[in-house]
Amino acid sequence: MRLFLARLAILMILMALGMALAGCGQKGPLYLPSDEAATEQYAPRDAVDASDDSES
């Protein structure tokens, strides 16, 4: 019985470690966008619209 519990504990630890490692990783692009791309993607909509209007 003691051996069974020890093996079960090791199995549970390995499963938890495997799930934790599977959840790791960077989500999204693996590079920093250029300033122009970052401005287009992350700027507030009003700021982008206002800058577009001033160029016309």
C-alpha atoms as a PDB file:
ATOM      1  CA  MET A   1       0.000   0.000   0.000  1.00  0.00           C
ATOM      2  CA  ARG A   2       2.833   2.354   0.867  1.00  0.00           C
ATOM      3  CA  LEU A   3       4.538   1.728  -2.486  1.00  0.00           C
ATOM      4  CA  PHE A   4       1.255   2.402  -4.293  1.00  0.00           C
ATOM      5  CA  LEU A   5       0.850   5.775  -2.567  1.00  0.00           C
ATOM      6  CA  ALA A   6       4.441   6.743  -3.325  1.00  0.00           C
ATOM      7  CA  ARG A   7       4.001   5.915  -7.018  1.00  0.00           C
ATOM      8  CA  LEU A   8       0.670   7.747  -7.076  1.00  0.00           C
ATOM      9  CA  ALA A   9       2.279  10.831  -5.529  1.00  0.00           C
ATOM     10  CA  ILE A  10       5.093  10.778  -8.107  1.00  0.00           C
ATOM     11  CA  LEU A  11       2.579  10.354 -10.924  1.00  0.00           C
ATOM     12  CA  MET A  12       0.495  13.286  -9.660  1.00  0.00           C
ATOM     13  CA  ILE A  13       3.577  15.511  -9.365  1.00  0.00           C
ATOM     14  CA  LEU A  14       4.687  14.622 -12.893  1.00  0.00           C
ATOM     15  CA  MET A  15       1.210  15.277 -14.261  1.00  0.00           C
ATOM     16  CA  ALA A  16       1.024  18.664 -12.520  1.00  0.00           C
ATOM     17  CA  LEU A  17       4.486  19.568 -13.818  1.00  0.00           C
ATOM     18  CA  GLY A  18       3.518  18.545 -17.345  1.00  0.00           C
ATOM     19  CA  MET A  19       0.348  20.648 -17.242  1.00  0.00           C
ATOM     20  CA  ALA A  20       2.263  23.645 -15.900  1.00  0.00           C
ATOM     21  CA  LEU A  21       4.857  23.359 -18.656  1.00  0.00           C
ATOM     22  CA  ALA A  22       2.159  22.964 -21.307  1.00  0.00           C
ATOM     23  CA  GLY A  23       0.577  26.224 -20.122  1.00  0.00           C
ATOM     24  CA  CYS A  24       3.831  28.159 -20.400  1.00  0.00           C
ATOM     25  CA  GLY A  25       4.768  30.061 -23.483  1.00  0.00           C
ATOM     26  CA  GLN A  26       4.394  33.425 -25.037  1.00  0.00           C
ATOM     27  CA  LYS A  27       1.071  34.091 -26.644  1.00  0.00           C
ATOM     28  CA  GLY A  28       1.156  36.425 -29.608  1.00  0.00           C
ATOM     29  CA  PRO A  29       3.924  37.653 -31.869  1.00  0.00           C
ATOM     30  CA  LEU A  30       7.511  36.755 -31.057  1.00  0.00           C
ATOM     31  CA  TYR A  31       8.871  40.180 -32.019  1.00  0.00           C
ATOM     32  CA  LEU A  32       8.380  43.797 -31.079  1.00  0.00           C
ATOM     33  CA  PRO A  33       6.397  45.678 -33.701  1.00  0.00           C
ATOM     34  CA  SER A  34       7.885  48.760 -35.334  1.00  0.00           C
ATOM     35  CA  ASP A  35       6.758  52.149 -34.075  1.00  0.00           C
ATOM     36  CA  GLU A  36       4.307  52.570 -36.951  1.00  0.00           C
ATOM     37  CA  ALA A  37       2.788  49.117 -36.495  1.00  0.00           C
ATOM     38  CA  ALA A  38       2.541  49.631 -32.738  1.00  0.00           C
ATOM     39  CA  THR A  39       0.849  52.994 -33.224  1.00  0.00           C
ATOM     40  CA  GLU A  40      -1.705  51.525 -35.599  1.00  0.00           C
ATOM     41  CA  GLN A  41      -2.477  48.586 -33.354  1.00  0.00           C
ATOM     42  CA  TYR A  42      -2.320  50.056 -29.851  1.00  0.00           C
ATOM     43  CA  ALA A  43      -3.193  53.737 -30.204  1.00  0.00           C
ATOM     44  CA  PRO A  44      -6.675  54.784 -29.125  1.00  0.00           C
ATOM     45  CA  ARG A  45      -9.096  55.009 -32.060  1.00  0.00           C
ATOM     46  CA  ASP A  46      -9.627  58.754 -31.525  1.00  0.00           C
ATOM     47  CA  ALA A  47      -5.895  59.480 -31.665  1.00  0.00           C
ATOM     48  CA  VAL A  48      -5.448  57.551 -34.923  1.00  0.00           C
ATOM     49  CA  ASP A  49      -8.510  59.219 -36.491  1.00  0.00           C
ATOM     50  CA  ALA A  50      -7.334  62.675 -35.437  1.00  0.00           C
ATOM     51  CA  SER A  51      -3.876  62.169 -36.948  1.00  0.00           C
ATOM     52  CA  ASP A  52      -5.411  60.886 -40.187  1.00  0.00           C
ATOM     53  CA  ASP A  53      -7.640  63.981 -40.467  1.00  0.00           C
ATOM     54  CA  SER A  54      -4.722  66.386 -40.039  1.00  0.00           C
ATOM     55  CA  GLU A  55      -2.799  64.850 -42.948  1.00  0.00           C
ATOM     56  CA  SER A  56      -5.575  65.511 -45.477  1.00  0.00           C
END
